[in-house]
């Protein structure tokens, strides 16, 4: 190496004459000198920051391109290599600067290809956090990949398909490392659509919707993948039924209205267009998308015809079937409403291994199904929860997934309007009067009980029966009343003060009666209590 030349470059750099130092370092680096290679990389980085500060964006572009092309096949200088990525991605986030870079043919996708995303390190995947630690921001790696996608979708590339094929594995990697970032799926589908791979794009969208079927933009993406107009319309109807705010779905509404116009359903189209026009005006958005879509139904002679959720639900059935056509059917039972979620019905679902899980469905979806209705359910387990995608009636007896159990009503609380059942397996349940008018105390009842989850069960149906119960047993013996007490015992059977008073019993009297199991909370053990007494 020419030591004098290297020292001269260092002196120029120390004086802030970076352009002159850069030329010398580049010359030495081209000769294969490792020390000069490092100095050259850092000098380019210093120049980049200087040009950014001075808003010399032509200089920025020159520095970035020179670094990317020179170091593409060279040994990377790790720290400065990642600092370059950070600066370029940060520049791309600034909209006014991005417009300049685009106008001057600076393509982020080209830089990232030369930079080589295989060089991403674990630190590049660490998410940013706000100062108070409450908010989290996408990592440098996520932003690099997502901005690359946006650059590809902008078009005007020599070979878009090559660019798509190059970035897709990195999207898959990002999806695994950042599963919470749903928009990576959106990127994936839009890229596949951009190169005409509609079937592959549709399958990708469907896989996502199997996990999160209440995502409007994902249904819109699936609609974009479909060529059949009826099926496309059904997917759009499914999209507007999703729970997001209409502000995020107005373009979907416009697409539906436009398709209604094409089908000459002008009244409904006009109603939707008018609603969206008000929404757009209230938000101060551009009316251009509306003007481009609204034609025939704009005429004064067209009378608006109100469109409601029932219309969208009816027309979304095809979309639901499309999503679930390859999923297995599971036996299910429609249950009561959730206490804390009064708009959702309980659904008990029997999985392939015979386990029963509890899920929920909105009241409006199957509001005409009585409690206990047997159904077929399609859906998918998400961790420990079952996500329902479709429900339809099946042949079967009411509550056919439930087990029949017998028990005794051992307490009735009229104030709280509930009664307590002790089952023959010594489990118990508290039942509201709404499931059975208050039964007689100590009457035998037959219940339908569904066991689900881990050690959970719910009594879903109760009726009184004349059948005997194994909980009721005869007993006889001598009554022992402790001193100064108002209750007594016949061996291990507890005799309450009420029974003693009603039967006018005295100490050492021979008695017989019927007993049932009773739990002693103080001793935390099971014993027996008399429910009726006969004097001997």
Protein backbone atom coordinates (compact mmCIF):
# COMPACT_ATOMS: atom_id res chain seq x y z
CA UNK A 1 0.00 0.00 0.00
CA UNK A 2 1.14 3.56 -0.68
CA UNK A 3 1.44 4.67 2.96
CA UNK A 4 2.02 8.31 2.06
CA UNK A 5 -1.13 8.39 -0.04
CA UNK A 6 -3.14 6.73 2.76
CA UNK A 7 -1.89 9.28 5.32
CA UNK A 8 -2.71 12.11 2.93
CA UNK A 9 -6.30 10.83 2.63
CA UNK A 10 -6.54 10.61 6.40
CA UNK A 11 -5.31 14.19 6.75
CA UNK A 12 -7.85 15.41 4.18
CA UNK A 13 -10.64 13.58 6.00
CA UNK A 14 -9.61 15.11 9.34
CA UNK A 15 -9.79 18.55 7.73
CA UNK A 16 -13.32 17.82 6.47
CA UNK A 17 -12.27 17.54 2.83
CA UNK A 18 -14.26 14.36 2.41
CA UNK A 19 -14.61 14.37 -1.40
CA UNK A 20 -10.83 14.51 -1.86
CA UNK A 21 -10.26 11.86 0.81
CA UNK A 22 -12.93 9.65 -0.78
CA UNK A 23 -11.14 9.61 -4.17
CA UNK A 24 -7.87 8.48 -2.59
CA UNK A 25 -9.46 5.85 -0.37
CA UNK A 26 -11.44 4.50 -3.33
CA UNK A 27 -8.29 4.20 -5.42
CA UNK A 28 -6.46 2.36 -2.64
CA UNK A 29 -9.48 0.15 -1.90
CA UNK A 30 -9.70 -0.88 -5.55
CA UNK A 31 -6.17 -2.18 -5.17
CA UNK A 32 -7.45 -4.58 -2.47
CA UNK A 33 -6.09 -2.87 0.64
CA UNK A 34 -8.23 -3.89 3.65
CA UNK A 35 -7.43 -0.85 5.79
CA UNK A 36 -8.33 1.49 2.94
CA UNK A 37 -11.58 -0.44 2.37
CA UNK A 38 -12.73 0.35 5.90
CA UNK A 39 -11.71 4.02 5.61
CA UNK A 40 -13.43 4.31 2.22
CA UNK A 41 -16.72 2.93 3.64
CA UNK A 42 -16.68 5.32 6.60
CA UNK A 43 -15.78 8.29 4.39
CA UNK A 44 -18.77 7.55 2.14
CA UNK A 45 -20.97 7.38 5.24
CA UNK A 46 -19.68 10.73 6.52
CA UNK A 47 -20.32 12.23 3.08
CA UNK A 48 -23.84 10.78 3.08
CA UNK A 49 -24.66 12.44 6.42
CA UNK A 50 -23.10 15.72 5.23
CA UNK A 51 -25.24 15.72 2.05
CA UNK A 52 -28.37 14.91 4.08
CA UNK A 53 -27.67 17.79 6.44
CA UNK A 54 -27.09 20.16 3.52
CA UNK A 55 -30.15 18.74 1.68
CA UNK A 56 -27.89 17.92 -1.25
CA UNK A 57 -29.96 14.96 -2.43
CA UNK A 58 -28.03 14.50 -5.67
CA UNK A 59 -24.99 13.96 -3.48
CA UNK A 60 -27.04 11.57 -1.33
CA UNK A 61 -27.97 9.50 -4.35
CA UNK A 62 -24.36 9.43 -5.56
CA UNK A 63 -23.02 8.28 -2.16
CA UNK A 64 -25.65 5.58 -1.75
CA UNK A 65 -25.19 4.19 -5.26
CA UNK A 66 -21.40 4.25 -5.01
CA UNK A 67 -21.46 2.44 -1.68
CA UNK A 68 -23.97 -0.16 -2.88
CA UNK A 69 -22.19 -0.99 -6.14
CA UNK A 70 -18.65 -0.99 -4.72
CA UNK A 71 -19.37 -3.07 -1.64
CA UNK A 72 -21.77 -5.50 -3.29
CA UNK A 73 -19.10 -8.18 -3.70
CA UNK A 74 -16.63 -6.84 -1.16
CA UNK A 75 -16.16 -7.76 2.47
CA UNK A 76 -18.78 -5.80 4.42
CA UNK A 77 -17.71 -3.36 7.14
CA UNK A 78 -20.42 -4.51 9.58
CA UNK A 79 -21.17 -1.37 11.56
CA UNK A 80 -21.10 1.10 8.69
CA UNK A 81 -22.98 -1.36 6.46
CA UNK A 82 -25.98 -1.28 8.83
CA UNK A 83 -25.69 2.47 9.36
CA UNK A 84 -26.05 2.92 5.58
CA UNK A 85 -29.21 0.80 5.64
CA UNK A 86 -30.63 2.85 8.50
CA UNK A 87 -29.96 6.16 6.75
CA UNK A 88 -31.41 5.06 3.41
CA UNK A 89 -34.57 3.61 4.98
CA UNK A 90 -34.97 6.73 7.13
CA UNK A 91 -34.69 8.87 3.99
CA UNK A 92 -37.33 6.75 2.28
CA UNK A 93 -39.74 7.45 5.15
CA UNK A 94 -39.66 11.18 4.40
CA UNK A 95 -42.33 11.69 1.76
CA UNK A 96 -40.94 14.88 0.24
CA UNK A 97 -37.51 13.32 -0.09
CA UNK A 98 -38.93 10.08 -1.42
CA UNK A 99 -40.60 11.99 -4.25
CA UNK A 100 -37.21 13.52 -5.12
CA UNK A 101 -35.50 10.14 -5.08
CA UNK A 102 -38.21 8.68 -7.31
CA UNK A 103 -37.96 11.55 -9.77
CA UNK A 104 -34.20 11.01 -9.95
CA UNK A 105 -34.58 7.27 -10.55
CA UNK A 106 -33.26 6.18 -7.18
CA UNK A 107 -34.85 2.78 -6.56
CA UNK A 108 -34.83 1.47 -3.03
CA UNK A 109 -35.27 -2.07 -4.36
CA UNK A 110 -31.98 -1.74 -6.27
CA UNK A 111 -30.12 -0.52 -3.20
CA UNK A 112 -31.50 -3.33 -1.00
CA UNK A 113 -30.62 -5.92 -3.63
CA UNK A 114 -27.03 -4.69 -3.71
CA UNK A 115 -26.93 -4.22 0.07
CA UNK A 116 -28.16 -7.86 0.35
CA UNK A 117 -30.89 -8.52 2.88
CA UNK A 118 -29.14 -11.76 3.85
CA UNK A 119 -26.86 -9.42 5.84
CA UNK A 120 -29.70 -8.53 8.25
CA UNK A 121 -28.68 -9.22 11.84
CA UNK A 122 -30.73 -9.94 14.97
CA UNK A 123 -30.43 -6.30 16.06
CA UNK A 124 -32.10 -5.22 12.81
CA UNK A 125 -35.24 -7.10 13.88
CA UNK A 126 -35.52 -5.34 17.25
CA UNK A 127 -38.60 -3.12 17.33
CA UNK A 128 -38.39 0.53 18.26
CA UNK A 129 -40.18 1.87 21.33
CA UNK A 130 -41.57 5.24 22.34
CA UNK A 131 -39.90 7.10 25.19
CA UNK A 132 -42.60 6.04 27.62
CA UNK A 133 -42.29 2.42 26.42
CA UNK A 134 -46.01 2.14 25.69
CA UNK A 135 -45.83 2.12 21.88
CA UNK A 136 -43.86 -0.20 19.63
CA UNK A 137 -42.65 0.56 16.11
CA UNK A 138 -41.60 -1.69 13.21
CA UNK A 139 -37.98 -2.82 13.21
CA UNK A 140 -35.41 -1.66 10.65
CA UNK A 141 -35.67 -5.06 8.92
CA UNK A 142 -39.48 -4.86 8.67
CA UNK A 143 -39.40 -1.35 7.26
CA UNK A 144 -36.68 -2.26 4.74
CA UNK A 145 -38.74 -5.17 3.39
CA UNK A 146 -42.07 -3.33 3.35
CA UNK A 147 -40.61 -0.24 1.61
CA UNK A 148 -39.00 -2.53 -0.95
CA UNK A 149 -42.46 -3.98 -1.68
CA UNK A 150 -43.93 -0.49 -2.14
CA UNK A 151 -41.11 0.36 -4.53
CA UNK A 152 -41.77 -2.78 -6.58
CA UNK A 153 -45.51 -2.08 -6.71
CA UNK A 154 -44.77 1.42 -7.99
CA UNK A 155 -43.79 -0.31 -11.24
CA UNK A 156 -41.41 0.76 -14.03
CA UNK A 157 -38.89 -1.99 -13.24
CA UNK A 158 -37.07 -3.79 -16.00
CA UNK A 159 -38.09 -7.17 -14.60
CA UNK A 160 -40.83 -6.98 -12.00
CA UNK A 161 -41.17 -10.77 -11.73
CA UNK A 162 -37.49 -11.16 -10.81
CA UNK A 163 -37.85 -8.45 -8.15
CA UNK A 164 -40.97 -10.15 -6.74
CA UNK A 165 -39.29 -13.56 -6.63
CA UNK A 166 -36.31 -12.00 -4.86
CA UNK A 167 -38.30 -10.22 -2.12
CA UNK A 168 -40.91 -12.95 -1.37
CA UNK A 169 -38.57 -15.13 0.77
CA UNK A 170 -37.75 -12.08 2.88
CA UNK A 171 -41.46 -11.40 3.39
CA UNK A 172 -41.84 -15.01 4.58
CA UNK A 173 -38.91 -14.49 6.96
CA UNK A 174 -40.43 -11.25 8.28
CA UNK A 175 -43.82 -12.97 8.76
CA UNK A 176 -42.19 -15.62 10.95
CA UNK A 177 -40.18 -13.11 12.98
CA UNK A 178 -43.02 -10.57 13.24
CA UNK A 179 -46.29 -12.57 13.19
CA UNK A 180 -48.18 -9.60 14.61
CA UNK A 181 -47.48 -7.53 11.47
CA UNK A 182 -50.57 -8.39 9.38
CA UNK A 183 -49.57 -6.05 6.58
CA UNK A 184 -46.79 -8.40 5.48
CA UNK A 185 -49.60 -10.67 4.23
CA UNK A 186 -51.05 -7.73 2.33
CA UNK A 187 -47.63 -7.13 0.73
CA UNK A 188 -47.34 -10.79 -0.21
CA UNK A 189 -50.74 -10.91 -1.94
CA UNK A 190 -50.28 -7.60 -3.77
CA UNK A 191 -46.89 -8.71 -5.11
CA UNK A 192 -48.34 -11.98 -6.41
CA UNK A 193 -51.18 -10.06 -8.07
CA UNK A 194 -48.70 -7.66 -9.66
CA UNK A 195 -47.16 -10.53 -11.63
CA UNK A 196 -50.47 -12.21 -12.49
CA UNK A 197 -50.28 -15.07 -9.96
CA UNK A 198 -53.93 -14.73 -8.93
CA UNK A 199 -54.48 -18.32 -7.76
CA UNK A 200 -51.41 -18.26 -5.53
CA UNK A 201 -52.43 -14.83 -4.23
CA UNK A 202 -55.95 -16.11 -3.46
CA UNK A 203 -54.61 -19.10 -1.51
CA UNK A 204 -52.33 -16.80 0.51
CA UNK A 205 -55.26 -14.48 1.33
CA UNK A 206 -57.47 -17.44 2.28
CA UNK A 207 -54.81 -18.83 4.65
CA UNK A 208 -54.73 -15.49 6.44
CA UNK A 209 -58.53 -15.24 6.59
CA UNK A 210 -58.72 -18.69 8.16
CA UNK A 211 -56.88 -17.12 11.12
CA UNK A 212 -58.57 -13.70 11.09
CA UNK A 213 -61.83 -13.75 9.18
CA UNK A 214 -62.95 -10.36 10.54
CA UNK A 215 -60.33 -8.40 8.61
CA UNK A 216 -61.98 -6.23 5.93
CA UNK A 217 -58.85 -5.43 3.91
CA UNK A 218 -58.00 -9.15 3.68
CA UNK A 219 -61.44 -9.89 2.18
CA UNK A 220 -60.86 -7.01 -0.24
CA UNK A 221 -57.54 -8.58 -1.23
CA UNK A 222 -59.24 -11.92 -1.82
CA UNK A 223 -61.85 -10.16 -3.96
CA UNK A 224 -59.03 -8.68 -6.05
CA UNK A 225 -57.74 -12.21 -6.69
CA UNK A 226 -61.06 -13.46 -8.08
CA UNK A 227 -62.27 -13.16 -11.66
CA UNK A 228 -65.83 -14.46 -11.11
CA UNK A 229 -68.01 -11.36 -10.55
CA UNK A 230 -70.54 -13.04 -8.23
CA UNK A 231 -67.83 -14.47 -6.01
CA UNK A 232 -65.93 -11.16 -6.04
CA UNK A 233 -69.13 -9.35 -5.00
CA UNK A 234 -69.67 -11.88 -2.19
CA UNK A 235 -66.14 -11.28 -0.83
CA UNK A 236 -66.72 -7.51 -0.84
CA UNK A 237 -70.00 -7.99 1.07
CA UNK A 238 -68.11 -10.10 3.59
CA UNK A 239 -65.56 -7.29 3.91
CA UNK A 240 -68.12 -4.63 4.86
CA UNK A 241 -69.58 -6.93 7.55
CA UNK A 242 -66.24 -6.89 9.36
CA UNK A 243 -66.24 -4.86 12.59
CA UNK A 244 -63.79 -2.13 11.52
CA UNK A 245 -64.98 1.46 11.24
CA UNK A 246 -66.58 2.44 7.91
CA UNK A 247 -63.84 5.08 7.49
CA UNK A 248 -61.47 2.21 6.68
CA UNK A 249 -63.94 0.50 4.33
CA UNK A 250 -65.30 3.29 2.18
CA UNK A 251 -63.41 2.13 -0.93
CA UNK A 252 -64.92 -1.32 -0.45
CA UNK A 253 -68.40 0.22 -0.32
CA UNK A 254 -67.59 2.11 -3.52
CA UNK A 255 -66.54 -1.14 -5.23
CA UNK A 256 -69.83 -2.77 -4.18
CA UNK A 257 -71.85 0.20 -5.42
CA UNK A 258 -70.00 0.16 -8.74
CA UNK A 259 -70.73 -3.55 -9.20
CA UNK A 260 -74.41 -2.91 -8.36
CA UNK A 261 -74.45 -0.23 -11.07
CA UNK A 262 -73.02 -2.74 -13.54
CA UNK A 263 -75.82 -5.17 -12.57
CA UNK A 264 -78.31 -2.32 -13.05
CA UNK A 265 -79.31 -2.41 -9.37
CA UNK A 266 -79.31 1.39 -9.41
CA UNK A 267 -81.42 2.05 -6.28
CA UNK A 268 -79.03 0.21 -3.95
CA UNK A 269 -76.00 1.63 -5.76
CA UNK A 270 -77.30 5.18 -5.32
CA UNK A 271 -77.95 4.65 -1.60
CA UNK A 272 -74.37 3.46 -1.04
CA UNK A 273 -72.87 6.22 -3.20
CA UNK A 274 -74.78 8.89 -1.29
CA UNK A 275 -73.65 7.51 2.07
CA UNK A 276 -70.03 7.38 0.93
CA UNK A 277 -70.22 10.89 -0.56
CA UNK A 278 -71.20 12.24 2.87
CA UNK A 279 -68.45 10.23 4.57
CA UNK A 280 -65.84 11.49 2.10
CA UNK A 281 -66.98 15.10 2.45
CA UNK A 282 -67.08 14.88 6.27
CA UNK A 283 -63.47 13.64 6.28
CA UNK A 284 -62.26 16.12 3.67
CA UNK A 285 -61.08 13.39 1.31
CA UNK A 286 -60.85 13.58 -2.47
CA UNK A 287 -64.11 12.95 -4.32
CA UNK A 288 -62.23 11.67 -7.37
CA UNK A 289 -62.68 7.92 -6.56
CA UNK A 290 -66.40 8.54 -6.13
CA UNK A 291 -66.76 10.54 -9.34
CA UNK A 292 -64.95 7.82 -11.28
CA UNK A 293 -67.33 5.14 -9.97
CA UNK A 294 -70.71 6.89 -9.91
CA UNK A 295 -72.48 7.13 -13.26
CA UNK A 296 -75.96 5.76 -14.03
CA UNK A 297 -77.26 5.79 -10.45
CA UNK A 298 -76.51 9.52 -10.15
CA UNK A 299 -79.59 10.33 -12.24
CA UNK A 300 -82.45 12.12 -10.42
CA UNK A 301 -84.91 9.53 -11.69
CA UNK A 302 -83.23 6.81 -9.59
CA UNK A 303 -84.81 6.31 -6.15
CA UNK A 304 -82.34 5.24 -3.43
CA UNK A 305 -83.03 1.78 -2.03
CA UNK A 306 -81.70 1.28 1.50
CA UNK A 307 -79.04 -1.43 1.92
CA UNK A 308 -78.71 -3.12 5.32
CA UNK A 309 -76.61 -5.83 6.98
CA UNK A 310 -79.15 -8.50 6.05
CA UNK A 311 -78.44 -7.77 2.36
CA UNK A 312 -74.69 -8.05 2.88
CA UNK A 313 -75.04 -11.23 4.97
CA UNK A 314 -77.19 -12.90 2.32
CA UNK A 315 -74.69 -12.02 -0.39
CA UNK A 316 -71.63 -13.05 1.66
CA UNK A 317 -72.55 -16.75 1.85
CA UNK A 318 -70.55 -17.69 -1.25
CA UNK A 319 -67.45 -16.04 0.25
CA UNK A 320 -67.81 -18.04 3.47
CA UNK A 321 -68.10 -21.27 1.50
CA UNK A 322 -65.05 -20.37 -0.58
CA UNK A 323 -63.01 -19.92 2.58
CA UNK A 324 -64.18 -23.09 4.29
CA UNK A 325 -64.70 -25.51 1.39
CA UNK A 326 -61.61 -27.59 2.26
CA UNK A 327 -62.08 -27.52 6.04
CA UNK A 328 -63.56 -30.47 7.97
CA UNK A 329 -66.98 -30.31 9.63
CA UNK A 330 -67.13 -30.47 13.43
CA UNK A 331 -70.24 -31.34 15.42
CA UNK A 332 -71.47 -28.43 17.48
CA UNK A 333 -74.32 -27.25 19.70
CA UNK A 334 -75.76 -23.74 19.88
CA UNK A 335 -75.85 -22.55 23.49
CA UNK A 336 -77.09 -19.58 25.45
CA UNK A 337 -75.73 -16.02 25.33
CA UNK A 338 -72.52 -15.06 27.09
CA UNK A 339 -73.19 -13.08 30.27
CA UNK A 340 -70.44 -10.53 29.63
CA UNK A 341 -70.95 -10.50 25.86
CA UNK A 342 -74.73 -10.39 25.42
CA UNK A 343 -74.48 -10.09 21.64
CA UNK A 344 -72.61 -13.40 21.29
CA UNK A 345 -74.04 -16.92 21.40
CA UNK A 346 -72.12 -19.81 22.90
CA UNK A 347 -71.18 -22.66 20.58
CA UNK A 348 -69.85 -25.97 21.95
CA UNK A 349 -67.67 -27.74 19.37
CA UNK A 350 -66.44 -31.33 19.41
CA UNK A 351 -62.96 -31.61 17.86
CA UNK A 352 -61.50 -34.62 16.04
CA UNK A 353 -60.02 -35.97 19.30
CA UNK A 354 -63.48 -35.72 20.95
CA UNK A 355 -62.46 -32.79 23.14
CA UNK A 356 -65.18 -30.16 23.40
CA UNK A 357 -64.24 -26.47 23.22
CA UNK A 358 -66.34 -23.37 23.76
CA UNK A 359 -66.43 -20.66 21.14
CA UNK A 360 -68.78 -17.83 20.26
CA UNK A 361 -70.73 -16.44 17.33
CA UNK A 362 -72.51 -13.10 17.00
CA UNK A 363 -76.21 -13.17 17.81
CA UNK A 364 -77.10 -11.75 14.40
CA UNK A 365 -75.38 -14.62 12.56
CA UNK A 366 -77.59 -17.45 13.83
CA UNK A 367 -80.25 -15.63 15.80
CA UNK A 368 -82.99 -18.11 14.84
CA UNK A 369 -81.23 -21.17 16.26
CA UNK A 370 -82.88 -22.26 19.56
CA UNK A 371 -80.63 -23.34 22.42
CA UNK A 372 -79.52 -26.93 21.95
CA UNK A 373 -79.71 -26.86 18.14
CA UNK A 374 -77.23 -29.37 16.62
CA UNK A 375 -74.98 -27.72 14.01
CA UNK A 376 -72.05 -28.39 11.75
CA UNK A 377 -69.20 -25.98 12.40
CA UNK A 378 -66.25 -25.11 10.19
CA UNK A 379 -63.29 -23.25 11.58
CA UNK A 380 -59.79 -23.44 12.92
CA UNK A 381 -58.04 -23.63 16.27
CA UNK A 382 -55.99 -20.51 17.10
CA UNK A 383 -53.73 -21.50 19.99
CA UNK A 384 -56.31 -22.54 22.60
CA UNK A 385 -59.34 -20.95 20.94
CA UNK A 386 -61.59 -22.14 18.12
CA UNK A 387 -62.30 -19.52 15.48
CA UNK A 388 -65.70 -20.15 13.83
CA UNK A 389 -65.97 -19.48 10.10
CA UNK A 390 -69.26 -21.13 9.19
CA UNK A 391 -72.25 -22.75 10.92
CA UNK A 392 -75.19 -24.71 9.51
CA UNK A 393 -77.83 -26.97 11.01
CA UNK A 394 -77.31 -30.74 11.20
CA UNK A 395 -79.58 -33.65 12.02
CA UNK A 396 -79.42 -34.71 15.64
CA UNK A 397 -81.14 -34.64 18.99
CA UNK A 398 -81.24 -31.48 21.09
CA UNK A 399 -78.06 -31.11 23.19
CA UNK A 400 -76.68 -34.36 21.73
CA UNK A 401 -73.11 -33.53 22.76
CA UNK A 402 -74.12 -33.20 26.41
CA UNK A 403 -73.95 -35.88 29.09
CA UNK A 404 -77.08 -36.77 31.05
CA UNK A 405 -76.64 -36.40 34.80
CA UNK A 406 -78.96 -36.75 37.76
CA UNK A 407 -78.86 -34.73 40.92
CA UNK A 408 -80.78 -33.31 43.84
CA UNK A 409 -81.89 -29.75 44.37
CA UNK A 410 -80.45 -29.16 47.84
CA UNK A 411 -80.94 -25.39 48.04
CA UNK A 412 -83.21 -22.76 46.47
CA UNK A 413 -82.43 -19.04 46.73
CA UNK A 414 -85.57 -17.10 45.83
CA UNK A 415 -83.88 -13.75 46.34
CA UNK A 416 -81.15 -14.43 43.79
CA UNK A 417 -83.48 -16.59 41.67
CA UNK A 418 -81.12 -19.54 41.52
CA UNK A 419 -81.10 -23.10 42.85
CA UNK A 420 -78.23 -25.44 43.69
CA UNK A 421 -77.89 -28.98 42.34
CA UNK A 422 -75.74 -31.67 43.92
CA UNK A 423 -74.89 -34.31 41.29
CA UNK A 424 -74.37 -38.01 41.89
CA UNK A 425 -70.63 -37.61 41.22
CA UNK A 426 -70.64 -34.95 43.99
CA UNK A 427 -70.02 -32.11 41.54
CA UNK A 428 -72.49 -29.26 41.76
CA UNK A 429 -74.04 -26.43 39.76
CA UNK A 430 -75.91 -23.21 40.39
CA UNK A 431 -78.83 -22.87 37.98
CA UNK A 432 -80.93 -19.73 37.29
CA UNK A 433 -84.69 -19.91 37.38
CA UNK A 434 -84.65 -19.03 33.65
CA UNK A 435 -83.61 -22.62 32.85
CA UNK A 436 -86.21 -24.21 35.12
CA UNK A 437 -88.91 -22.69 37.29
CA UNK A 438 -87.88 -23.09 40.95
CA UNK A 439 -88.21 -26.84 41.64
CA UNK A 440 -89.22 -28.31 44.98
CA UNK A 441 -86.43 -28.59 47.50
CA UNK A 442 -84.79 -32.06 47.44
CA UNK A 443 -86.50 -32.96 44.19
CA UNK A 444 -84.54 -35.11 41.73
CA UNK A 445 -83.61 -33.43 38.45
CA UNK A 446 -82.10 -34.65 35.19
CA UNK A 447 -79.63 -32.34 33.51
CA UNK A 448 -77.75 -32.08 30.25
CA UNK A 449 -74.19 -31.05 31.04
CA UNK A 450 -71.41 -30.26 28.57
CA UNK A 451 -67.84 -30.81 29.71
CA UNK A 452 -65.41 -28.57 27.84
CA UNK A 453 -61.95 -27.07 28.04
CA UNK A 454 -59.83 -28.18 30.98
CA UNK A 455 -62.04 -29.31 33.83
CA UNK A 456 -64.93 -26.99 32.92
CA UNK A 457 -68.58 -27.90 32.53
CA UNK A 458 -71.88 -26.15 31.97
CA UNK A 459 -75.37 -27.38 32.75
CA UNK A 460 -77.34 -26.45 29.67
CA UNK A 461 -80.72 -28.09 30.34
CA UNK A 462 -82.63 -29.09 33.51
CA UNK A 463 -85.91 -30.93 34.09
CA UNK A 464 -87.55 -32.57 37.10
CA UNK A 465 -87.92 -36.35 37.11
CA UNK A 466 -89.72 -38.97 39.20
CA UNK A 467 -86.75 -41.29 39.02
CA UNK A 468 -84.83 -42.26 42.15
CA UNK A 469 -81.40 -40.87 42.88
CA UNK A 470 -78.41 -42.70 44.31
CA UNK A 471 -77.80 -39.61 46.46
CA UNK A 472 -80.82 -40.36 48.66
CA UNK A 473 -80.31 -43.07 51.31
CA UNK A 474 -82.29 -44.21 54.32
CA UNK A 475 -80.77 -44.01 57.76
CA UNK A 476 -81.87 -44.89 61.29
CA UNK A 477 -80.45 -44.64 64.78
CA UNK A 478 -80.48 -42.74 68.04
CA UNK A 479 -80.47 -38.94 67.98
CA UNK A 480 -77.68 -37.32 69.99
CA UNK A 481 -78.14 -33.60 70.73
CA UNK A 482 -74.98 -31.92 72.15
CA UNK A 483 -75.41 -29.96 75.39
CA UNK A 484 -76.77 -26.43 74.82
CA UNK A 485 -77.12 -27.17 71.08
CA UNK A 486 -80.19 -26.97 68.86
CA UNK A 487 -78.93 -29.47 66.27
CA UNK A 488 -77.99 -33.12 66.56
CA UNK A 489 -76.49 -36.23 64.95
CA UNK A 490 -77.57 -39.78 64.20
CA UNK A 491 -74.13 -41.35 63.97
CA UNK A 492 -72.53 -39.37 61.08
CA UNK A 493 -75.79 -37.82 59.81
CA UNK A 494 -76.36 -34.16 60.66
CA UNK A 495 -79.88 -33.30 61.88
CA UNK A 496 -80.69 -29.61 61.50
CA UNK A 497 -82.45 -27.43 64.09
CA UNK A 498 -85.36 -27.06 61.66
CA UNK A 499 -85.93 -30.81 61.36
CA UNK A 500 -85.67 -31.29 65.14
CA UNK A 501 -88.23 -28.55 65.74
CA UNK A 502 -90.63 -29.73 63.02
CA UNK A 503 -90.61 -33.36 64.28
CA UNK A 504 -90.47 -32.37 68.00
CA UNK A 505 -87.44 -34.62 68.51
CA UNK A 506 -85.62 -35.05 71.81
CA UNK A 507 -82.19 -36.32 72.81
CA UNK A 508 -81.69 -40.14 72.74
CA UNK A 509 -84.81 -40.63 70.61
CA UNK A 510 -84.78 -43.35 67.96
CA UNK A 511 -85.38 -41.87 64.53
CA UNK A 512 -85.13 -42.76 60.84
CA UNK A 513 -85.20 -40.74 57.68
CA UNK A 514 -83.57 -39.89 54.36
CA UNK A 515 -80.07 -38.40 54.07
CA UNK A 516 -77.99 -36.90 51.28
CA UNK A 517 -74.27 -36.03 51.05
CA UNK A 518 -73.33 -32.63 52.50
CA UNK A 519 -70.04 -30.75 52.40
CA UNK A 520 -68.70 -29.30 55.67
CA UNK A 521 -66.91 -26.09 54.67
CA UNK A 522 -65.37 -25.65 58.13
CA UNK A 523 -63.78 -29.11 58.13
CA UNK A 524 -63.43 -29.19 54.32
CA UNK A 525 -64.83 -32.72 54.14
CA UNK A 526 -67.91 -34.57 52.97
CA UNK A 527 -70.52 -35.90 55.39
CA UNK A 528 -74.30 -36.45 55.42
CA UNK A 529 -77.33 -34.33 56.25
CA UNK A 530 -80.90 -35.46 56.87
CA UNK A 531 -83.57 -34.08 54.56
CA UNK A 532 -86.55 -35.81 56.17
CA UNK A 533 -87.27 -37.46 59.56
CA UNK A 534 -89.60 -40.21 60.75
CA UNK A 535 -90.02 -41.01 64.46
CA UNK A 536 -89.73 -44.63 65.51
